[in-house]
N, C-alpha and C. Protein backbone atom coordinates (compact mmCIF):
# COMPACT_ATOMS: atom_id res chain seq x y z
N MET A 1 -36.66 38.76 -106.69
CA MET A 1 -37.02 37.44 -105.95
C MET A 1 -36.94 37.57 -104.74
N ASN A 2 -37.88 37.22 -103.71
CA ASN A 2 -37.83 37.87 -102.11
C ASN A 2 -37.61 36.46 -101.11
N ASN A 3 -36.16 37.23 -100.92
CA ASN A 3 -35.35 36.01 -100.01
C ASN A 3 -36.21 36.23 -98.39
N LYS A 4 -36.82 35.57 -98.34
CA LYS A 4 -37.77 35.01 -96.45
C LYS A 4 -36.63 34.53 -95.65
N GLN A 5 -35.83 35.19 -94.54
CA GLN A 5 -35.08 34.38 -93.67
C GLN A 5 -35.93 33.29 -92.93
N MET A 6 -35.91 32.35 -93.07
CA MET A 6 -36.26 30.93 -92.12
C MET A 6 -35.26 31.08 -90.87
N THR A 7 -36.94 30.66 -90.03
CA THR A 7 -36.38 30.95 -88.34
C THR A 7 -36.90 29.48 -87.82
N ALA A 8 -35.48 28.88 -87.43
CA ALA A 8 -35.87 27.19 -86.94
C ALA A 8 -36.58 27.28 -85.93
N PRO A 9 -37.49 26.55 -85.52
CA PRO A 9 -38.57 26.27 -84.27
C PRO A 9 -38.12 26.36 -83.28
N LYS A 10 -38.13 26.96 -82.27
CA LYS A 10 -37.52 26.47 -80.76
C LYS A 10 -38.30 25.52 -80.41
N LEU A 11 -36.55 25.04 -79.78
CA LEU A 11 -37.29 23.11 -79.55
C LEU A 11 -37.58 23.40 -77.70
N PRO A 12 -38.47 23.15 -77.28
CA PRO A 12 -38.36 23.34 -75.58
C PRO A 12 -36.97 22.95 -74.99
N SER A 13 -36.71 23.81 -74.07
CA SER A 13 -35.34 23.22 -73.27
C SER A 13 -35.49 22.19 -72.18
N SER A 14 -34.43 21.42 -72.62
CA SER A 14 -34.16 20.40 -71.38
C SER A 14 -35.31 20.29 -70.20
N HIS A 15 -34.79 21.45 -69.74
CA HIS A 15 -35.41 21.55 -68.08
C HIS A 15 -37.36 21.19 -68.08
N SER A 16 -37.50 21.85 -69.42
CA SER A 16 -39.05 21.87 -69.94
C SER A 16 -38.99 20.45 -70.23
N ILE A 17 -38.83 18.99 -70.92
CA ILE A 17 -39.09 18.36 -70.44
C ILE A 17 -39.16 17.15 -69.96
N LEU A 18 -38.09 17.56 -68.73
CA LEU A 18 -38.79 16.36 -67.14
C LEU A 18 -40.03 17.15 -66.45
N HIS A 19 -40.00 16.27 -65.55
CA HIS A 19 -41.11 16.41 -65.11
C HIS A 19 -40.64 17.46 -64.13
N GLY A 20 -41.58 18.50 -64.05
CA GLY A 20 -41.11 19.43 -62.61
C GLY A 20 -39.97 20.05 -63.52
N THR A 21 -39.68 21.52 -62.65
CA THR A 21 -38.28 22.17 -63.12
C THR A 21 -37.91 21.99 -62.21
N ALA A 22 -36.14 21.36 -62.60
CA ALA A 22 -35.48 21.27 -61.72
C ALA A 22 -33.79 22.10 -61.47
N THR A 23 -32.72 22.65 -60.63
CA THR A 23 -32.26 23.33 -60.81
C THR A 23 -30.75 22.97 -60.81
N ALA A 24 -30.01 22.96 -62.15
CA ALA A 24 -28.47 21.94 -61.88
C ALA A 24 -27.80 22.64 -60.88
N PRO A 25 -26.94 21.73 -60.04
CA PRO A 25 -26.52 22.33 -59.42
C PRO A 25 -24.85 22.46 -59.78
N THR A 26 -24.84 23.85 -59.47
CA THR A 26 -23.18 24.37 -60.14
C THR A 26 -22.01 24.45 -59.14
N LEU A 27 -20.80 24.83 -59.35
CA LEU A 27 -19.83 24.51 -58.57
C LEU A 27 -19.48 25.59 -56.92
N ASP A 28 -20.29 26.32 -56.88
CA ASP A 28 -20.67 26.82 -55.78
C ASP A 28 -21.94 25.92 -54.72
N SER A 29 -22.65 25.40 -55.51
CA SER A 29 -23.41 24.82 -54.82
C SER A 29 -23.17 23.67 -53.75
N PRO A 30 -23.61 23.05 -52.22
CA PRO A 30 -23.16 21.84 -52.00
C PRO A 30 -23.77 20.66 -52.38
N LEU A 31 -23.09 19.80 -53.00
CA LEU A 31 -23.57 18.77 -53.18
C LEU A 31 -23.96 17.67 -52.16
N THR A 32 -25.39 17.87 -51.96
CA THR A 32 -25.84 17.09 -50.93
C THR A 32 -27.09 15.78 -51.42
N ALA A 33 -27.75 15.23 -50.24
CA ALA A 33 -28.11 13.87 -50.96
C ALA A 33 -29.46 14.44 -51.56
N SER A 34 -29.89 15.83 -51.05
CA SER A 34 -31.48 16.31 -51.31
C SER A 34 -31.62 16.89 -52.77
N THR A 35 -29.96 17.00 -53.82
CA THR A 35 -29.99 17.49 -54.46
C THR A 35 -30.30 16.49 -55.88
N TYR A 36 -29.96 15.07 -55.61
CA TYR A 36 -30.50 14.68 -56.34
C TYR A 36 -31.27 13.05 -56.03
N ALA A 37 -32.25 13.33 -54.79
CA ALA A 37 -33.05 12.70 -54.59
C ALA A 37 -34.37 12.82 -55.25
N PRO A 38 -34.90 11.43 -55.39
CA PRO A 38 -36.14 12.05 -56.15
C PRO A 38 -37.38 12.89 -55.12
N LYS A 39 -37.86 13.71 -56.04
CA LYS A 39 -38.92 14.39 -55.22
C LYS A 39 -39.92 13.16 -54.52
N GLY A 40 -39.88 13.61 -53.05
CA GLY A 40 -40.85 12.90 -52.04
C GLY A 40 -39.89 11.83 -51.56
N VAL A 41 -39.21 11.69 -51.52
CA VAL A 41 -38.37 10.31 -51.39
C VAL A 41 -37.34 10.94 -50.31
N GLN A 42 -37.52 10.54 -49.14
CA GLN A 42 -36.38 11.13 -47.92
C GLN A 42 -35.20 9.96 -47.66
N PRO A 43 -33.46 11.02 -47.93
CA PRO A 43 -32.62 9.72 -47.35
C PRO A 43 -32.97 9.21 -46.03
N LYS A 44 -32.51 8.07 -46.24
CA LYS A 44 -32.06 7.30 -44.44
C LYS A 44 -31.91 7.58 -43.40
N ALA A 45 -32.16 7.91 -42.68
CA ALA A 45 -30.99 8.07 -41.26
C ALA A 45 -30.13 7.13 -41.37
N SER A 46 -28.72 7.62 -40.92
CA SER A 46 -27.49 6.20 -40.57
C SER A 46 -27.91 6.34 -39.07
N SER A 47 -27.84 4.65 -38.85
CA SER A 47 -27.75 3.94 -37.28
C SER A 47 -26.23 3.69 -36.82
N GLN A 48 -25.59 4.26 -38.05
CA GLN A 48 -24.22 4.03 -37.55
C GLN A 48 -23.68 4.85 -36.02
N SER A 49 -23.88 5.55 -35.88
CA SER A 49 -23.42 7.18 -34.93
C SER A 49 -24.13 6.43 -33.74
N GLY A 50 -24.88 5.94 -33.75
CA GLY A 50 -25.69 5.29 -32.27
C GLY A 50 -24.97 4.47 -32.37
N VAL A 51 -24.38 3.07 -32.65
CA VAL A 51 -23.92 2.39 -32.56
C VAL A 51 -22.11 2.37 -31.98
N VAL A 52 -21.42 3.41 -32.67
CA VAL A 52 -20.40 3.91 -32.05
C VAL A 52 -20.37 4.40 -30.75
N LEU A 53 -21.70 5.29 -30.85
CA LEU A 53 -21.55 5.33 -29.40
C LEU A 53 -21.66 5.00 -28.02
N ILE A 54 -22.43 4.16 -28.53
CA ILE A 54 -22.44 2.81 -27.16
C ILE A 54 -21.32 2.56 -27.06
N ILE A 55 -20.74 1.75 -28.17
CA ILE A 55 -18.89 1.54 -28.39
C ILE A 55 -18.21 2.30 -27.20
N SER A 56 -18.14 3.63 -27.80
CA SER A 56 -17.87 4.48 -26.87
C SER A 56 -17.79 4.56 -25.31
N LEU A 57 -18.82 4.34 -24.90
CA LEU A 57 -19.38 4.50 -23.71
C LEU A 57 -19.24 3.25 -23.02
N ILE A 58 -19.01 2.01 -23.41
CA ILE A 58 -18.57 0.84 -22.63
C ILE A 58 -17.00 1.05 -23.05
N MET A 59 -16.28 1.19 -23.58
CA MET A 59 -14.26 1.19 -23.90
C MET A 59 -14.82 2.50 -22.80
N LEU A 60 -14.96 3.63 -22.35
CA LEU A 60 -14.68 4.56 -21.42
C LEU A 60 -15.11 3.58 -19.62
N LEU A 61 -16.64 3.07 -19.82
CA LEU A 61 -16.28 2.27 -18.64
C LEU A 61 -15.16 1.15 -18.32
N LEU A 62 -14.68 0.60 -19.32
CA LEU A 62 -14.06 -0.39 -18.96
C LEU A 62 -12.75 0.41 -18.22
N LEU A 63 -12.55 1.96 -19.13
CA LEU A 63 -10.88 2.05 -18.85
C LEU A 63 -11.25 2.61 -17.17
N THR A 64 -12.47 3.03 -16.98
CA THR A 64 -12.37 3.36 -15.64
C THR A 64 -12.22 2.58 -14.84
N LEU A 65 -12.47 1.07 -14.82
CA LEU A 65 -12.84 0.15 -13.99
C LEU A 65 -10.96 -0.31 -14.04
N ILE A 66 -10.46 -0.01 -14.96
CA ILE A 66 -8.98 -0.86 -14.79
C ILE A 66 -8.36 0.80 -14.12
N GLY A 67 -8.42 1.84 -14.35
CA GLY A 67 -7.94 2.95 -13.66
C GLY A 67 -8.31 2.36 -12.25
N THR A 68 -9.46 2.65 -11.45
CA THR A 68 -9.92 2.08 -10.17
C THR A 68 -9.28 1.29 -9.43
N THR A 69 -8.90 -0.22 -10.30
CA THR A 69 -8.71 -1.12 -10.13
C THR A 69 -7.05 -1.16 -9.91
N GLY A 70 -6.33 -0.27 -10.59
CA GLY A 70 -5.04 0.05 -10.94
C GLY A 70 -4.83 1.27 -9.53
N MET A 71 -5.88 1.77 -9.47
CA MET A 71 -5.17 2.58 -7.93
C MET A 71 -5.07 1.86 -6.72
N GLN A 72 -6.18 1.20 -6.64
CA GLN A 72 -6.32 0.85 -5.03
C GLN A 72 -5.16 -0.44 -4.89
N SER A 73 -4.49 -0.83 -6.55
CA SER A 73 -3.62 -1.88 -6.19
C SER A 73 -2.32 -0.92 -5.93
N THR A 74 -2.00 -0.17 -6.18
CA THR A 74 -0.96 0.67 -5.65
C THR A 74 -1.01 1.20 -4.51
N SER A 75 -2.46 1.38 -4.26
CA SER A 75 -2.18 1.94 -2.45
C SER A 75 -1.98 0.61 -1.60
N LEU A 76 -2.52 -0.01 -1.98
CA LEU A 76 -2.70 -1.71 -1.18
C LEU A 76 -1.31 -2.55 -1.31
N GLU A 77 -0.70 -1.72 -2.32
CA GLU A 77 1.16 -2.18 -2.13
C GLU A 77 1.89 -1.51 -0.82
N GLU A 78 1.48 -0.45 -1.40
CA GLU A 78 1.91 0.87 -0.64
C GLU A 78 2.24 0.99 0.89
N LYS A 79 0.41 0.47 1.30
CA LYS A 79 0.55 -0.39 2.60
C LYS A 79 1.22 -1.24 3.24
N MET A 80 1.28 -2.24 2.60
CA MET A 80 2.33 -3.22 2.56
C MET A 80 3.52 -3.02 2.44
N ALA A 81 4.48 -2.45 2.15
CA ALA A 81 5.82 -1.59 2.11
C ALA A 81 6.09 -1.20 3.42
N GLY A 82 5.22 -0.45 3.63
CA GLY A 82 5.21 0.50 4.69
C GLY A 82 5.26 -0.02 5.89
N ASN A 83 4.45 -1.51 6.13
CA ASN A 83 4.15 -2.55 7.41
C ASN A 83 5.85 -2.84 7.35
N ILE A 84 5.76 -3.86 5.89
CA ILE A 84 7.60 -4.60 6.36
C ILE A 84 8.42 -3.40 6.66
N ARG A 85 8.96 -2.40 6.25
CA ARG A 85 9.34 -1.87 6.48
C ARG A 85 9.02 -1.14 8.44
N ASP A 86 8.07 -0.96 8.70
CA ASP A 86 8.18 -1.19 10.16
C ASP A 86 8.84 -1.92 11.07
N LYS A 87 7.93 -3.02 10.65
CA LYS A 87 8.59 -4.33 10.76
C LYS A 87 10.06 -4.44 10.72
N ASN A 88 10.66 -4.46 9.77
CA ASN A 88 12.42 -4.58 10.02
C ASN A 88 13.38 -3.51 10.98
N LEU A 89 12.03 -2.00 11.32
CA LEU A 89 12.60 -1.00 12.29
C LEU A 89 12.76 -1.79 13.53
N ALA A 90 11.64 -2.39 13.44
CA ALA A 90 10.96 -2.49 15.16
C ALA A 90 12.24 -3.79 15.73
N PHE A 91 12.07 -4.43 14.17
CA PHE A 91 13.60 -6.40 15.21
C PHE A 91 14.39 -5.18 15.01
N GLN A 92 14.98 -4.44 14.29
CA GLN A 92 16.38 -3.83 14.70
C GLN A 92 16.56 -2.85 15.87
N ALA A 93 15.42 -2.31 16.54
CA ALA A 93 15.75 -1.82 17.46
C ALA A 93 16.02 -3.00 18.78
N ALA A 94 14.91 -3.99 18.15
CA ALA A 94 14.73 -4.56 19.67
C ALA A 94 16.19 -5.73 19.94
N GLU A 95 16.79 -5.65 18.70
CA GLU A 95 18.00 -6.89 18.41
C GLU A 95 19.48 -5.98 19.28
N SER A 96 19.28 -4.13 19.07
CA SER A 96 20.15 -3.28 19.57
C SER A 96 20.10 -3.39 21.00
N ALA A 97 19.28 -3.42 20.97
CA ALA A 97 18.27 -3.20 23.03
C ALA A 97 18.63 -4.59 23.93
N LEU A 98 18.67 -5.27 23.04
CA LEU A 98 19.16 -6.92 23.31
C LEU A 98 20.22 -7.33 23.69
N LYS A 99 21.56 -6.82 22.98
CA LYS A 99 22.58 -7.08 22.87
C LYS A 99 22.90 -5.62 23.32
N ALA A 100 22.10 -4.60 24.09
CA ALA A 100 23.09 -3.66 24.78
C ALA A 100 22.58 -3.64 26.24
N ALA A 101 21.51 -5.29 26.72
CA ALA A 101 20.83 -5.48 27.70
C ALA A 101 21.98 -6.84 28.32
N GLU A 102 21.97 -7.36 27.67
CA GLU A 102 23.63 -8.17 27.82
C GLU A 102 24.87 -7.61 28.13
N SER A 103 25.15 -7.01 27.44
CA SER A 103 26.55 -5.94 27.91
C SER A 103 26.53 -5.81 29.59
N SER A 104 25.28 -5.22 29.95
CA SER A 104 25.09 -4.62 30.90
C SER A 104 25.64 -5.57 31.41
N LEU A 105 25.37 -6.59 31.90
CA LEU A 105 25.72 -8.15 32.93
C LEU A 105 27.08 -8.99 32.96
N ILE A 106 28.26 -8.09 31.45
CA ILE A 106 29.56 -8.86 32.02
C ILE A 106 30.13 -7.76 32.66
N SER A 107 30.87 -8.55 33.43
CA SER A 107 32.00 -8.08 34.50
C SER A 107 32.91 -7.42 33.42
N PRO A 108 33.37 -5.66 34.38
CA PRO A 108 33.40 -5.80 35.81
C PRO A 108 31.74 -4.37 36.20
N ALA A 109 30.45 -4.69 35.26
CA ALA A 109 29.52 -4.23 35.06
C ALA A 109 29.05 -4.32 36.52
N VAL A 110 28.60 -3.50 37.48
CA VAL A 110 27.70 -3.31 38.52
C VAL A 110 26.49 -4.24 38.51
N LEU A 111 26.15 -4.91 38.62
CA LEU A 111 25.25 -6.39 38.82
C LEU A 111 23.92 -5.40 39.56
N PRO A 112 22.79 -4.85 39.11
CA PRO A 112 21.64 -4.65 39.75
C PRO A 112 21.24 -5.76 40.82
N THR A 113 20.38 -4.90 41.46
CA THR A 113 19.98 -5.70 42.61
C THR A 113 18.45 -6.47 42.06
N PHE A 114 18.38 -7.46 42.37
CA PHE A 114 17.00 -8.45 41.54
C PHE A 114 16.14 -8.63 42.16
N THR A 115 14.84 -8.24 42.71
CA THR A 115 13.71 -8.28 43.50
C THR A 115 12.60 -9.26 42.88
N ASP A 116 11.90 -9.59 43.58
CA ASP A 116 11.07 -9.87 43.45
C ASP A 116 9.48 -9.31 42.57
N ALA A 117 9.39 -8.22 43.24
CA ALA A 117 8.63 -6.90 42.98
C ALA A 117 9.02 -6.26 41.04
N GLY A 118 10.56 -6.91 41.04
CA GLY A 118 11.57 -5.85 39.52
C GLY A 118 11.49 -4.50 39.68
N THR A 119 11.72 -4.50 40.52
CA THR A 119 12.20 -2.78 40.60
C THR A 119 13.52 -2.72 39.63
N GLY A 120 13.29 -1.53 38.76
CA GLY A 120 13.68 -1.64 37.59
C GLY A 120 13.89 -2.09 36.86
N GLY A 121 12.70 -3.58 36.99
CA GLY A 121 12.95 -4.09 35.44
C GLY A 121 13.80 -5.65 35.84
N PHE A 122 14.32 -5.47 36.85
CA PHE A 122 14.92 -6.68 37.31
C PHE A 122 14.14 -7.64 38.44
N TYR A 123 14.05 -8.85 37.78
CA TYR A 123 13.08 -10.12 38.61
C TYR A 123 13.86 -10.86 39.03
N LYS A 124 13.61 -11.34 40.41
CA LYS A 124 14.39 -12.10 41.45
C LYS A 124 14.15 -13.67 40.38
N ASP A 125 14.36 -14.98 40.62
CA ASP A 125 13.71 -16.04 39.98
C ASP A 125 12.90 -16.32 40.52
N THR A 126 12.45 -16.08 41.59
CA THR A 126 11.25 -16.48 43.09
C THR A 126 9.87 -15.54 42.02
N SER A 127 10.26 -14.39 41.13
CA SER A 127 8.83 -13.76 41.35
C SER A 127 8.23 -14.05 40.06
N THR A 128 6.41 -13.68 40.27
CA THR A 128 5.94 -14.58 39.59
C THR A 128 5.01 -13.36 38.08
N ILE A 129 5.79 -12.62 38.46
CA ILE A 129 5.04 -11.10 37.70
C ILE A 129 5.18 -11.53 36.04
N PRO A 130 6.63 -11.67 35.71
CA PRO A 130 6.81 -11.87 34.34
C PRO A 130 6.29 -13.25 33.36
N THR A 131 5.66 -13.97 33.67
CA THR A 131 4.84 -15.00 32.96
C THR A 131 5.19 -15.18 31.75
N ASP A 132 5.34 -15.86 30.42
CA ASP A 132 4.96 -16.44 29.66
C ASP A 132 4.25 -15.19 28.48
N SER A 133 3.33 -15.39 29.47
CA SER A 133 1.55 -15.12 28.58
C SER A 133 1.61 -13.45 28.76
N ALA A 134 2.17 -13.94 30.01
CA ALA A 134 2.06 -11.91 30.42
C ALA A 134 2.93 -11.19 29.39
N ILE A 135 4.36 -11.49 29.17
CA ILE A 135 5.06 -9.95 28.72
C ILE A 135 4.95 -10.20 27.02
N LEU A 136 3.53 -10.99 26.60
CA LEU A 136 3.29 -10.57 25.33
C LEU A 136 2.54 -9.58 25.05
N THR A 137 1.19 -9.32 26.48
CA THR A 137 0.83 -8.25 26.30
C THR A 137 0.87 -6.92 26.55
N ASP A 138 0.27 -5.70 26.18
CA ASP A 138 0.89 -4.02 26.12
C ASP A 138 0.70 -4.02 27.61
N SER A 139 -0.48 -4.84 27.96
CA SER A 139 -0.70 -3.83 29.39
C SER A 139 0.63 -4.29 30.76
N PHE A 140 1.54 -5.22 30.40
CA PHE A 140 2.55 -5.75 31.25
C PHE A 140 3.43 -4.68 31.27
N TRP A 141 3.96 -4.13 29.75
CA TRP A 141 5.02 -3.51 29.80
C TRP A 141 4.58 -1.98 30.60
N THR A 142 3.14 -1.69 29.96
CA THR A 142 2.77 -0.15 30.86
C THR A 142 2.64 -0.64 32.82
N THR A 143 2.37 -1.32 33.06
CA THR A 143 1.86 -1.76 34.16
C THR A 143 3.07 -2.00 34.97
N ASN A 144 3.69 -2.44 34.87
CA ASN A 144 5.40 -3.46 35.51
C ASN A 144 6.50 -2.62 34.88
N PRO A 145 7.41 -2.95 36.36
CA PRO A 145 8.80 -2.03 36.52
C PRO A 145 9.19 -2.47 34.91
N VAL A 146 9.94 -1.94 34.23
CA VAL A 146 11.05 -1.69 33.32
C VAL A 146 11.52 -1.00 32.91
N ALA A 147 12.99 -1.70 32.20
CA ALA A 147 14.23 -1.40 32.01
C ALA A 147 14.12 -0.45 30.54
N ARG A 148 14.99 1.11 30.20
CA ARG A 148 14.85 1.51 29.03
C ARG A 148 16.01 0.90 28.69
N SER A 149 16.40 0.84 26.88
CA SER A 149 17.55 0.66 26.97
C SER A 149 17.91 1.92 26.63
N SER A 150 19.14 1.76 26.30
CA SER A 150 20.26 2.95 26.33
C SER A 150 20.77 3.36 24.88
N VAL A 151 20.25 2.69 24.12
CA VAL A 151 20.83 2.55 23.02
C VAL A 151 19.65 3.84 22.31
N SER A 152 20.36 5.11 21.68
CA SER A 152 19.96 6.47 21.50
C SER A 152 20.16 6.84 19.69
N THR A 153 20.77 5.68 19.34
CA THR A 153 20.81 6.01 17.32
C THR A 153 20.10 6.00 17.02
N LEU A 154 18.58 5.49 17.45
CA LEU A 154 17.19 4.50 16.08
C LEU A 154 17.33 5.32 15.24
N GLY A 155 16.88 6.64 15.52
CA GLY A 155 16.07 7.69 14.58
C GLY A 155 14.82 7.13 14.08
N ASN A 156 14.36 7.17 12.80
CA ASN A 156 12.97 7.18 12.55
C ASN A 156 12.19 7.00 12.96
N GLY A 157 11.77 8.34 14.47
CA GLY A 157 10.66 8.12 14.99
C GLY A 157 10.43 7.31 15.80
N ILE A 158 11.53 6.02 15.90
CA ILE A 158 11.34 4.81 17.26
C ILE A 158 11.46 4.79 17.94
N THR A 159 10.50 4.34 18.95
CA THR A 159 10.18 4.60 20.64
C THR A 159 11.73 4.04 21.21
N THR A 160 12.25 4.65 22.21
CA THR A 160 13.45 3.91 22.60
C THR A 160 12.50 2.28 23.94
N PRO A 161 14.02 1.09 23.19
CA PRO A 161 13.32 0.03 23.69
C PRO A 161 13.02 -0.44 24.80
N VAL A 162 12.08 -0.39 25.79
CA VAL A 162 12.30 -1.16 26.84
C VAL A 162 12.60 -2.68 27.36
N TYR A 163 12.86 -3.01 27.97
CA TYR A 163 13.41 -4.96 28.66
C TYR A 163 13.55 -5.32 30.29
N ILE A 164 13.37 -5.99 30.19
CA ILE A 164 13.13 -6.86 31.65
C ILE A 164 14.43 -7.77 31.69
N ILE A 165 15.06 -8.06 32.53
CA ILE A 165 16.35 -8.75 33.22
C ILE A 165 15.12 -9.81 34.42
N GLN A 166 15.90 -11.35 33.97
CA GLN A 166 15.26 -12.23 34.87
C GLN A 166 16.44 -12.85 35.10
N GLN A 167 16.73 -13.40 36.65
CA GLN A 167 17.29 -14.08 37.29
C GLN A 167 16.66 -15.40 37.49
N LEU A 168 17.50 -16.15 36.48
CA LEU A 168 17.24 -17.69 36.30
C LEU A 168 18.53 -18.38 37.85
N PRO A 169 17.68 -19.86 38.41
CA PRO A 169 17.93 -20.43 39.32
C PRO A 169 19.73 -20.83 38.33
N ALA A 170 20.46 -21.05 39.68
CA ALA A 170 21.66 -21.13 39.30
C ALA A 170 21.96 -22.66 38.01
N ALA A 171 22.53 -22.54 37.37
CA ALA A 171 22.63 -24.06 36.42
C ALA A 171 24.04 -23.92 35.76
N CYS A 172 24.06 -25.36 35.67
CA CYS A 172 25.82 -25.44 34.58
C CYS A 172 25.44 -26.03 32.80
N PHE A 173 25.57 -25.91 32.27
CA PHE A 173 26.07 -26.67 30.87
C PHE A 173 26.62 -28.05 31.04
N GLY A 174 26.61 -28.87 30.34
CA GLY A 174 27.74 -29.75 30.36
C GLY A 174 27.95 -30.54 31.06
N THR A 175 28.99 -31.39 31.70
CA THR A 175 29.09 -31.86 32.84
C THR A 175 29.23 -30.45 34.05
N CYS A 176 28.70 -30.77 34.80
CA CYS A 176 28.36 -29.64 36.12
C CYS A 176 29.14 -30.20 37.33
N PRO A 177 30.23 -28.94 38.21
CA PRO A 177 30.90 -29.01 39.00
C PRO A 177 29.91 -29.11 40.39
N PRO A 178 30.51 -29.44 41.17
CA PRO A 178 29.78 -30.01 42.83
C PRO A 178 29.49 -29.22 43.05
N ASP A 179 29.31 -27.76 42.50
CA ASP A 179 28.85 -26.36 43.20
C ASP A 179 28.94 -24.98 41.72
N PRO A 180 27.58 -25.85 41.48
CA PRO A 180 27.65 -24.24 39.88
C PRO A 180 27.29 -23.49 40.24
N THR A 181 28.36 -22.22 39.53
CA THR A 181 28.10 -20.66 39.75
C THR A 181 27.77 -19.66 38.69
N THR A 182 27.30 -20.90 38.07
CA THR A 182 27.17 -20.04 36.70
C THR A 182 25.44 -19.54 36.73
N THR A 183 25.09 -18.26 36.88
CA THR A 183 23.71 -17.91 37.41
C THR A 183 23.06 -17.18 35.22
N PRO A 184 22.35 -18.12 35.06
CA PRO A 184 21.66 -17.59 33.57
C PRO A 184 20.73 -16.55 34.36
N TYR A 185 20.43 -15.57 32.51
CA TYR A 185 19.54 -15.08 32.84
C TYR A 185 18.46 -14.86 31.58
N LYS A 186 17.40 -14.37 32.09
CA LYS A 186 16.61 -14.26 30.64
C LYS A 186 15.81 -12.93 30.15
N ILE A 187 16.73 -12.13 29.25
CA ILE A 187 16.19 -10.71 28.96
C ILE A 187 14.86 -11.30 27.51
N THR A 188 13.76 -10.27 27.59
CA THR A 188 13.20 -10.47 27.30
C THR A 188 13.35 -8.63 26.97
N VAL A 189 12.62 -8.42 25.61
CA VAL A 189 13.18 -6.79 24.86
C VAL A 189 11.88 -6.60 24.25
N ARG A 190 11.29 -5.61 24.47
CA ARG A 190 10.11 -5.15 23.91
C ARG A 190 10.38 -3.79 22.98
N ALA A 191 9.98 -3.96 21.51
CA ALA A 191 10.57 -2.17 21.05
C ALA A 191 9.14 -2.46 19.89
N THR A 192 8.97 -1.04 19.27
CA THR A 192 8.30 -0.67 18.15
C THR A 192 8.74 -0.10 17.21
N GLY A 193 8.37 -0.22 15.67
CA GLY A 193 8.85 0.26 14.75
C GLY A 193 8.56 1.74 14.30
N GLY A 194 8.07 2.39 13.04
CA GLY A 194 8.08 3.75 13.31
C GLY A 194 6.50 4.31 13.38
N THR A 195 5.49 3.58 13.81
CA THR A 195 4.24 3.25 14.43
C THR A 195 4.78 2.47 15.57
N THR A 196 3.38 2.50 16.63
CA THR A 196 3.30 1.66 17.47
C THR A 196 2.56 0.44 17.51
N ASN A 197 1.93 0.63 15.72
CA ASN A 197 1.02 -1.29 15.78
C ASN A 197 2.45 -1.66 14.71
N ALA A 198 3.10 -1.73 14.20
CA ALA A 198 4.29 -2.90 14.33
C ALA A 198 5.23 -2.96 15.85
N VAL A 199 4.82 -4.10 16.64
CA VAL A 199 5.42 -4.52 17.81
C VAL A 199 6.60 -5.92 17.53
N VAL A 200 7.58 -5.86 17.72
CA VAL A 200 8.58 -7.44 17.94
C VAL A 200 9.15 -7.36 19.25
N ILE A 201 8.91 -8.24 19.63
CA ILE A 201 9.73 -9.18 21.36
C ILE A 201 10.35 -9.92 21.13
N LEU A 202 11.54 -9.83 21.75
CA LEU A 202 13.36 -10.54 21.45
C LEU A 202 13.69 -11.50 22.94
N GLN A 203 13.39 -12.46 23.38
CA GLN A 203 14.03 -12.86 23.93
C GLN A 203 15.62 -14.11 24.19
N SER A 204 16.13 -13.94 25.10
CA SER A 204 17.28 -14.66 25.31
C SER A 204 17.80 -15.10 26.51
N ILE A 205 18.53 -16.43 26.26
CA ILE A 205 19.06 -16.26 27.80
C ILE A 205 20.65 -16.52 27.86
N TYR A 206 21.23 -15.40 28.69
CA TYR A 206 22.58 -15.39 29.03
C TYR A 206 22.85 -15.43 29.63
N SER A 207 23.82 -16.54 30.01
CA SER A 207 25.45 -15.92 31.20
C SER A 207 26.08 -15.90 30.92
N PRO A 208 26.48 -14.48 31.31
CA PRO A 208 27.67 -14.38 31.83
C PRO A 208 29.55 -14.91 31.88
N SER A 209 30.28 -14.32 31.23
CA SER A 209 31.17 -15.60 31.32
C SER A 209 32.18 -15.11 32.18
């Protein structure tokens, strides 16, 4: 009896059953959208990246505006602080000069000669030069005689204050005697701070005892 070896008919492979030929992905090949995309269909482009870009640009613009505003505010605060400091320095200089001028009128100090022209910054009571409006102008202190304060410990780049003393008519305070002998003086001081833009003018009526 002849033994015939039976050979099973070859079935078509699973790859040949599908339309076309597809290559199964291996472990080494990257998984991409095109690997499993049906033939003739392209993956849709994502619009999220465009939205993120717009939001990022808006946030960057807002941060830039906030930073610019903060820098301007800081600069303004520094200027204000500098102006206040200059004003305080000018006031301190004027106050020191005013006290020094008052001390110069106390006996046994030798009183200066008061004239209508204001020689040396000392004006007689009949002088018409130092009016109330004139002493507030810069030109008065540069074109008329003035006295310079002896205060020399101001520092901070402060210019030596200047002043004038006006002799006022004899007067008395309270109950006046028949012949009043008290002579009052009007002292006006002009001082500047760390810059010439900060100006302080102080005035006092002083009567030596």
